[in-house]
N, C-alpha and C. Protein backbone atom coordinates (compact mmCIF):
# COMPACT_ATOMS: atom_id res chain seq x y z
N MET A 1 -17.54 2.69 103.45
CA MET A 1 -17.21 2.11 102.16
C MET A 1 -17.91 0.82 102.01
N TYR A 2 -17.32 -0.20 101.35
CA TYR A 2 -17.91 -1.44 101.10
C TYR A 2 -16.89 -2.53 101.56
N ASN A 3 -17.46 -3.65 101.90
CA ASN A 3 -16.62 -4.79 102.42
C ASN A 3 -16.57 -5.85 101.36
N ILE A 4 -15.34 -6.25 100.93
CA ILE A 4 -15.23 -7.31 100.02
C ILE A 4 -14.49 -8.49 100.61
N SER A 5 -15.13 -9.66 100.62
CA SER A 5 -14.61 -10.78 101.29
C SER A 5 -13.50 -11.51 100.53
N ASN A 6 -13.64 -11.63 99.21
CA ASN A 6 -12.66 -12.25 98.41
C ASN A 6 -12.19 -11.38 97.27
N GLU A 7 -11.05 -10.75 97.43
CA GLU A 7 -10.50 -9.83 96.50
C GLU A 7 -10.30 -10.49 95.16
N ASP A 8 -9.88 -11.73 95.13
CA ASP A 8 -9.60 -12.40 93.84
C ASP A 8 -10.78 -12.53 92.94
N ASP A 9 -12.02 -12.43 93.39
CA ASP A 9 -13.16 -12.49 92.57
C ASP A 9 -13.21 -11.38 91.58
N PHE A 10 -12.51 -10.33 91.86
CA PHE A 10 -12.52 -9.09 91.03
C PHE A 10 -11.16 -8.95 90.23
N LYS A 11 -10.43 -10.06 90.20
CA LYS A 11 -9.13 -10.10 89.42
C LYS A 11 -9.29 -11.16 88.36
N TYR A 12 -9.60 -10.73 87.13
CA TYR A 12 -9.80 -11.76 86.08
C TYR A 12 -9.56 -11.11 84.71
N VAL A 13 -9.24 -11.99 83.74
CA VAL A 13 -9.21 -11.60 82.32
C VAL A 13 -10.12 -12.53 81.63
N MET A 14 -11.16 -12.01 80.96
CA MET A 14 -12.10 -12.85 80.14
C MET A 14 -12.16 -12.26 78.79
N GLN A 15 -12.75 -13.10 77.87
CA GLN A 15 -13.05 -12.59 76.53
C GLN A 15 -14.26 -13.27 75.94
N ASP A 16 -14.83 -12.49 75.02
CA ASP A 16 -15.91 -13.09 74.23
C ASP A 16 -15.51 -12.83 72.80
N VAL A 17 -16.50 -12.88 71.83
CA VAL A 17 -16.16 -12.79 70.49
C VAL A 17 -15.59 -11.41 70.11
N SER A 18 -15.99 -10.41 70.72
CA SER A 18 -15.64 -9.04 70.35
C SER A 18 -14.91 -8.21 71.41
N ARG A 19 -14.82 -8.66 72.57
CA ARG A 19 -14.19 -7.82 73.65
C ARG A 19 -13.33 -8.67 74.64
N TYR A 20 -12.39 -7.88 75.29
CA TYR A 20 -11.67 -8.44 76.45
C TYR A 20 -12.21 -7.68 77.69
N TYR A 21 -12.25 -8.44 78.82
CA TYR A 21 -12.73 -7.91 80.15
C TYR A 21 -11.68 -8.09 81.16
N PHE A 22 -11.34 -6.98 81.82
CA PHE A 22 -10.31 -7.08 82.86
C PHE A 22 -10.91 -6.62 84.20
N GLY A 23 -10.82 -7.45 85.20
CA GLY A 23 -11.31 -7.08 86.51
C GLY A 23 -10.59 -5.94 87.17
N ALA A 24 -11.27 -4.99 87.63
CA ALA A 24 -10.67 -3.70 88.09
C ALA A 24 -9.75 -3.80 89.36
N ARG A 25 -9.80 -4.96 90.05
CA ARG A 25 -8.90 -5.10 91.19
C ARG A 25 -7.50 -5.59 90.77
N MET A 26 -7.38 -5.94 89.55
CA MET A 26 -6.02 -6.35 89.04
C MET A 26 -5.12 -5.07 88.97
N ASN A 27 -3.80 -5.27 89.24
CA ASN A 27 -2.89 -4.23 89.04
C ASN A 27 -2.23 -4.45 87.67
N TYR A 28 -1.45 -3.49 87.19
CA TYR A 28 -0.84 -3.64 85.84
C TYR A 28 0.17 -4.77 85.81
N ARG A 29 0.87 -4.98 86.88
CA ARG A 29 1.80 -6.11 86.94
C ARG A 29 1.09 -7.43 86.81
N GLU A 30 -0.05 -7.60 87.39
CA GLU A 30 -0.86 -8.84 87.32
C GLU A 30 -1.37 -9.01 85.92
N ILE A 31 -1.73 -8.01 85.20
CA ILE A 31 -2.19 -8.05 83.83
C ILE A 31 -1.11 -8.56 82.96
N ILE A 32 0.11 -7.96 83.11
CA ILE A 32 1.28 -8.32 82.21
C ILE A 32 1.66 -9.74 82.52
N ASP A 33 1.54 -10.25 83.82
CA ASP A 33 1.90 -11.64 84.14
C ASP A 33 0.83 -12.64 83.78
N ASN A 34 -0.39 -12.18 83.46
CA ASN A 34 -1.48 -13.09 83.21
C ASN A 34 -1.44 -13.64 81.75
N GLU A 35 -1.39 -14.97 81.66
CA GLU A 35 -1.25 -15.56 80.32
C GLU A 35 -2.48 -15.41 79.51
N MET A 36 -3.67 -15.08 80.04
CA MET A 36 -4.89 -14.87 79.30
C MET A 36 -4.99 -13.53 78.66
N ALA A 37 -4.18 -12.54 79.22
CA ALA A 37 -4.22 -11.20 78.73
C ALA A 37 -3.53 -11.13 77.32
N PRO A 38 -4.13 -10.47 76.29
CA PRO A 38 -3.49 -10.47 74.97
C PRO A 38 -2.14 -9.78 74.93
N PHE A 39 -1.22 -10.33 74.22
CA PHE A 39 0.19 -9.88 74.16
C PHE A 39 0.28 -8.44 73.73
N LYS A 40 -0.58 -8.11 72.70
CA LYS A 40 -0.54 -6.66 72.21
C LYS A 40 -0.95 -5.69 73.27
N PHE A 41 -1.97 -6.03 74.13
CA PHE A 41 -2.36 -5.13 75.19
C PHE A 41 -1.29 -5.00 76.21
N LYS A 42 -0.53 -6.04 76.50
CA LYS A 42 0.56 -6.05 77.43
C LYS A 42 1.65 -5.13 76.90
N THR A 43 1.95 -5.21 75.62
CA THR A 43 3.00 -4.36 74.94
C THR A 43 2.51 -2.93 75.04
N ILE A 44 1.27 -2.64 74.77
CA ILE A 44 0.75 -1.24 74.88
C ILE A 44 0.94 -0.70 76.27
N LEU A 45 0.58 -1.54 77.28
CA LEU A 45 0.71 -1.10 78.69
C LEU A 45 2.19 -0.79 78.94
N GLU A 46 3.13 -1.69 78.59
CA GLU A 46 4.55 -1.40 78.87
C GLU A 46 5.09 -0.26 78.11
N ARG A 47 4.68 -0.04 76.83
CA ARG A 47 5.30 1.00 76.00
C ARG A 47 4.70 2.37 76.23
N TYR A 48 3.41 2.40 76.51
CA TYR A 48 2.74 3.76 76.57
C TYR A 48 2.23 4.20 78.02
N ILE A 49 1.88 3.24 78.82
CA ILE A 49 1.18 3.61 80.03
C ILE A 49 2.14 3.47 81.27
N LEU A 50 2.90 2.38 81.25
CA LEU A 50 3.71 2.12 82.50
C LEU A 50 4.98 2.90 82.58
N ARG A 51 5.27 3.74 81.54
CA ARG A 51 6.40 4.59 81.70
C ARG A 51 6.19 5.60 82.77
N ASP A 52 4.90 5.99 83.02
CA ASP A 52 4.56 7.04 83.93
C ASP A 52 3.75 6.50 85.14
N LEU A 53 3.41 5.30 85.19
CA LEU A 53 2.71 4.68 86.32
C LEU A 53 3.40 3.53 86.96
N ASP A 54 3.07 3.33 88.20
CA ASP A 54 3.65 2.17 88.97
C ASP A 54 2.90 0.98 88.56
N ARG A 55 3.62 -0.14 88.40
CA ARG A 55 2.97 -1.45 88.07
C ARG A 55 2.07 -1.96 89.08
N GLU A 56 2.17 -1.52 90.38
CA GLU A 56 1.26 -1.93 91.39
C GLU A 56 -0.03 -1.16 91.45
N THR A 57 -0.21 -0.14 90.61
CA THR A 57 -1.49 0.58 90.46
C THR A 57 -2.56 -0.33 89.93
N THR A 58 -3.69 -0.35 90.63
CA THR A 58 -4.81 -1.13 90.21
C THR A 58 -5.54 -0.39 89.05
N LEU A 59 -6.29 -1.23 88.27
CA LEU A 59 -7.13 -0.64 87.21
C LEU A 59 -8.20 0.33 87.89
N GLU A 60 -8.67 -0.22 89.03
CA GLU A 60 -9.74 0.52 89.68
C GLU A 60 -9.26 1.91 90.08
N SER A 61 -8.03 1.96 90.69
CA SER A 61 -7.53 3.26 91.10
C SER A 61 -7.15 4.19 89.93
N GLY A 62 -6.47 3.53 88.90
CA GLY A 62 -6.10 4.34 87.74
C GLY A 62 -7.23 4.90 86.96
N LEU A 63 -8.36 4.13 86.86
CA LEU A 63 -9.52 4.59 86.13
C LEU A 63 -10.38 5.57 86.93
N TYR A 64 -10.39 5.40 88.27
CA TYR A 64 -11.21 6.23 89.14
C TYR A 64 -10.64 7.71 89.13
N TYR A 65 -9.36 7.78 89.16
CA TYR A 65 -8.64 9.04 89.26
C TYR A 65 -8.18 9.62 87.88
N MET A 66 -8.47 8.88 86.78
CA MET A 66 -8.05 9.34 85.46
C MET A 66 -8.71 10.62 85.01
N ASN A 67 -7.91 11.42 84.38
CA ASN A 67 -8.42 12.60 83.68
C ASN A 67 -7.75 12.67 82.30
N GLU A 68 -8.02 13.71 81.54
CA GLU A 68 -7.46 13.84 80.22
C GLU A 68 -5.96 14.02 80.13
N ASP A 69 -5.29 14.20 81.32
CA ASP A 69 -3.86 14.40 81.34
C ASP A 69 -3.22 13.05 81.87
N SER A 70 -4.01 12.10 82.17
CA SER A 70 -3.46 10.83 82.65
C SER A 70 -2.82 10.05 81.54
N PRO A 71 -1.71 9.22 81.88
CA PRO A 71 -1.02 8.49 80.84
C PRO A 71 -1.90 7.56 80.07
N GLU A 72 -2.87 6.91 80.70
CA GLU A 72 -3.67 5.91 80.13
C GLU A 72 -4.87 6.49 79.36
N PHE A 73 -5.12 7.79 79.57
CA PHE A 73 -6.40 8.31 78.94
C PHE A 73 -6.35 8.16 77.39
N ARG A 74 -5.37 8.73 76.73
CA ARG A 74 -5.34 8.69 75.26
C ARG A 74 -5.29 7.24 74.70
N VAL A 75 -4.51 6.43 75.34
CA VAL A 75 -4.40 5.01 74.90
C VAL A 75 -5.73 4.31 74.99
N LEU A 76 -6.36 4.37 76.17
CA LEU A 76 -7.67 3.69 76.34
C LEU A 76 -8.72 4.28 75.53
N LYS A 77 -8.68 5.63 75.19
CA LYS A 77 -9.68 6.19 74.35
C LYS A 77 -9.46 5.67 72.92
N GLN A 78 -8.24 5.57 72.50
CA GLN A 78 -7.87 5.05 71.14
C GLN A 78 -8.34 3.61 71.03
N LEU A 79 -8.30 2.85 72.20
CA LEU A 79 -8.76 1.42 72.15
C LEU A 79 -10.29 1.36 72.30
N LYS A 80 -10.95 2.44 72.36
CA LYS A 80 -12.42 2.41 72.50
C LYS A 80 -12.88 1.70 73.76
N ALA A 81 -12.07 1.87 74.79
CA ALA A 81 -12.28 1.12 76.05
C ALA A 81 -13.50 1.71 76.74
N ARG A 82 -14.19 0.83 77.45
CA ARG A 82 -15.32 1.31 78.32
C ARG A 82 -15.09 0.74 79.75
N VAL A 83 -15.78 1.34 80.66
CA VAL A 83 -15.57 1.00 82.06
C VAL A 83 -16.90 0.62 82.72
N ARG A 84 -17.02 -0.57 83.22
CA ARG A 84 -18.27 -0.97 83.84
C ARG A 84 -18.12 -0.62 85.35
N VAL A 85 -19.15 0.13 85.82
CA VAL A 85 -19.17 0.62 87.23
C VAL A 85 -20.45 0.15 87.91
N SER A 86 -20.42 0.06 89.21
CA SER A 86 -21.61 0.04 90.04
C SER A 86 -21.83 1.40 90.50
N GLN A 87 -23.08 1.91 90.38
CA GLN A 87 -23.35 3.29 90.74
C GLN A 87 -24.54 3.28 91.69
N LEU A 88 -24.47 4.03 92.81
CA LEU A 88 -25.55 4.05 93.79
C LEU A 88 -26.73 4.84 93.18
N LYS A 89 -27.86 4.11 93.25
CA LYS A 89 -29.14 4.76 92.84
C LYS A 89 -30.08 4.96 94.00
N ASN A 90 -30.27 6.28 94.31
CA ASN A 90 -31.16 6.54 95.52
C ASN A 90 -32.60 6.43 95.13
N GLY A 91 -33.39 5.92 96.04
CA GLY A 91 -34.80 5.85 95.84
C GLY A 91 -35.44 5.36 97.09
N LYS A 92 -36.58 4.64 97.03
CA LYS A 92 -37.20 4.09 98.15
C LYS A 92 -36.22 3.27 98.96
N THR A 93 -35.54 2.44 98.19
CA THR A 93 -34.43 1.61 98.77
C THR A 93 -33.20 1.94 97.93
N ASP A 94 -32.12 2.40 98.60
CA ASP A 94 -30.80 2.60 97.87
C ASP A 94 -30.33 1.31 97.36
N ARG A 95 -29.90 1.31 96.12
CA ARG A 95 -29.27 0.09 95.49
C ARG A 95 -28.26 0.52 94.48
N TYR A 96 -27.37 -0.44 94.18
CA TYR A 96 -26.41 -0.27 93.14
C TYR A 96 -26.90 -0.70 91.82
N GLN A 97 -26.61 0.12 90.80
CA GLN A 97 -27.02 -0.20 89.43
C GLN A 97 -25.72 -0.20 88.55
N GLU A 98 -25.71 -1.14 87.62
CA GLU A 98 -24.58 -1.21 86.83
C GLU A 98 -24.69 -0.27 85.58
N LYS A 99 -23.54 0.31 85.27
CA LYS A 99 -23.53 1.30 84.15
C LYS A 99 -22.23 1.14 83.38
N LEU A 100 -22.26 1.42 82.12
CA LEU A 100 -21.04 1.36 81.23
C LEU A 100 -20.73 2.74 80.79
N TYR A 101 -19.49 3.17 81.04
CA TYR A 101 -19.07 4.53 80.68
C TYR A 101 -17.95 4.38 79.65
N THR A 102 -17.97 5.35 78.67
CA THR A 102 -16.79 5.46 77.84
C THR A 102 -15.64 6.11 78.60
N ILE A 103 -14.45 5.97 78.17
CA ILE A 103 -13.30 6.55 78.87
C ILE A 103 -13.51 8.08 79.00
N GLY A 104 -13.97 8.72 77.95
CA GLY A 104 -14.19 10.20 77.98
C GLY A 104 -15.28 10.54 79.04
N GLU A 105 -16.33 9.78 79.06
CA GLU A 105 -17.46 10.09 80.03
C GLU A 105 -16.98 9.89 81.40
N LEU A 106 -16.20 8.84 81.73
CA LEU A 106 -15.70 8.57 83.06
C LEU A 106 -14.73 9.63 83.54
N SER A 107 -13.83 10.04 82.65
CA SER A 107 -12.81 11.00 82.97
C SER A 107 -13.39 12.38 83.17
N ASP A 108 -14.55 12.67 82.61
CA ASP A 108 -15.24 14.00 82.83
C ASP A 108 -15.81 14.07 84.16
N ILE A 109 -15.97 12.98 84.89
CA ILE A 109 -16.53 13.04 86.29
C ILE A 109 -15.36 13.14 87.24
N SER A 110 -15.30 14.13 88.09
CA SER A 110 -14.25 14.35 89.01
C SER A 110 -14.31 13.24 90.14
N PRO A 111 -13.15 13.01 90.75
CA PRO A 111 -13.16 11.96 91.85
C PRO A 111 -14.19 12.33 92.99
N GLU A 112 -14.28 13.62 93.22
CA GLU A 112 -15.29 14.07 94.24
C GLU A 112 -16.69 13.73 93.86
N GLU A 113 -17.00 13.96 92.57
CA GLU A 113 -18.33 13.65 92.12
C GLU A 113 -18.58 12.12 92.06
N LYS A 114 -17.59 11.41 91.71
CA LYS A 114 -17.60 9.93 91.71
C LYS A 114 -18.03 9.42 93.15
N GLU A 115 -17.30 10.07 94.09
CA GLU A 115 -17.56 9.67 95.49
C GLU A 115 -19.04 9.97 95.83
N LYS A 116 -19.47 11.12 95.47
CA LYS A 116 -20.86 11.58 95.74
C LYS A 116 -21.86 10.66 95.10
N LYS A 117 -21.59 10.25 93.86
CA LYS A 117 -22.54 9.30 93.11
C LYS A 117 -22.38 7.87 93.54
N GLY A 118 -21.44 7.55 94.40
CA GLY A 118 -21.20 6.20 94.86
C GLY A 118 -20.67 5.28 93.74
N ILE A 119 -19.83 5.80 92.90
CA ILE A 119 -19.34 4.96 91.77
C ILE A 119 -18.23 4.04 92.26
N ILE A 120 -18.30 2.78 91.87
CA ILE A 120 -17.31 1.76 92.21
C ILE A 120 -16.92 1.19 90.80
N VAL A 121 -15.57 1.30 90.50
CA VAL A 121 -15.15 0.79 89.19
C VAL A 121 -15.02 -0.73 89.33
N ARG A 122 -15.64 -1.46 88.40
CA ARG A 122 -15.67 -2.91 88.41
C ARG A 122 -14.85 -3.63 87.34
N GLU A 123 -14.80 -3.02 86.13
CA GLU A 123 -14.23 -3.80 85.02
C GLU A 123 -13.89 -2.85 83.87
N LEU A 124 -12.73 -3.16 83.15
CA LEU A 124 -12.29 -2.44 81.93
C LEU A 124 -12.64 -3.36 80.77
N VAL A 125 -13.33 -2.80 79.82
CA VAL A 125 -13.77 -3.52 78.64
C VAL A 125 -13.09 -2.93 77.39
N ILE A 126 -12.38 -3.82 76.58
CA ILE A 126 -11.61 -3.31 75.43
C ILE A 126 -12.11 -4.07 74.19
N SER A 127 -12.31 -3.33 73.16
CA SER A 127 -12.78 -3.90 71.92
C SER A 127 -11.60 -4.68 71.21
N LYS A 128 -11.85 -5.85 70.74
CA LYS A 128 -10.80 -6.63 70.04
C LYS A 128 -10.47 -6.00 68.71
N LEU A 129 -11.50 -5.39 68.05
CA LEU A 129 -11.19 -4.74 66.79
C LEU A 129 -10.29 -3.52 66.98
N ALA A 130 -10.59 -2.75 68.01
CA ALA A 130 -9.79 -1.53 68.26
C ALA A 130 -8.37 -1.91 68.62
N LEU A 131 -8.27 -3.06 69.40
CA LEU A 131 -6.94 -3.47 69.81
C LEU A 131 -6.19 -3.99 68.52
N PHE A 132 -6.81 -4.64 67.67
CA PHE A 132 -6.21 -5.15 66.40
C PHE A 132 -5.74 -3.93 65.53
N ALA A 133 -6.56 -2.88 65.52
CA ALA A 133 -6.26 -1.67 64.71
C ALA A 133 -5.22 -0.82 65.28
N PHE A 134 -4.87 -0.97 66.52
CA PHE A 134 -3.99 -0.05 67.30
C PHE A 134 -2.55 -0.38 66.76
N SER A 135 -1.84 0.66 66.38
CA SER A 135 -0.48 0.50 65.84
C SER A 135 0.51 0.69 67.02
N VAL A 136 1.30 -0.38 67.28
CA VAL A 136 2.25 -0.27 68.33
C VAL A 136 3.57 0.26 67.88
């Protein structure tokens, strides 16, 4: 697998003009407790996703094993969420390449195929406009 020296480097909430970014090593409890996370997203998590998931589940794990039957699938799809991953690219020298998947594209890839492709989930990206339009 891979060695990470400082886990906290991958636990963050950031925003720009049009999107929110959540580090994939955060668990749902950490997102809810984070003052930088938008209140509406926290409400959506509590109301729609965390009824069926443990709060200690990390975004990385939830997104990696997500399929169309997962509690977060429909919500994140409605939010037009995307997932930033590092994906192994084989060539003369093997290297990781960054790629952005929609929720539908990522869920279509089985965990076994993700393992084979060397996919590492890095970040959840949510549109501010989609979050604004989401009816709670």
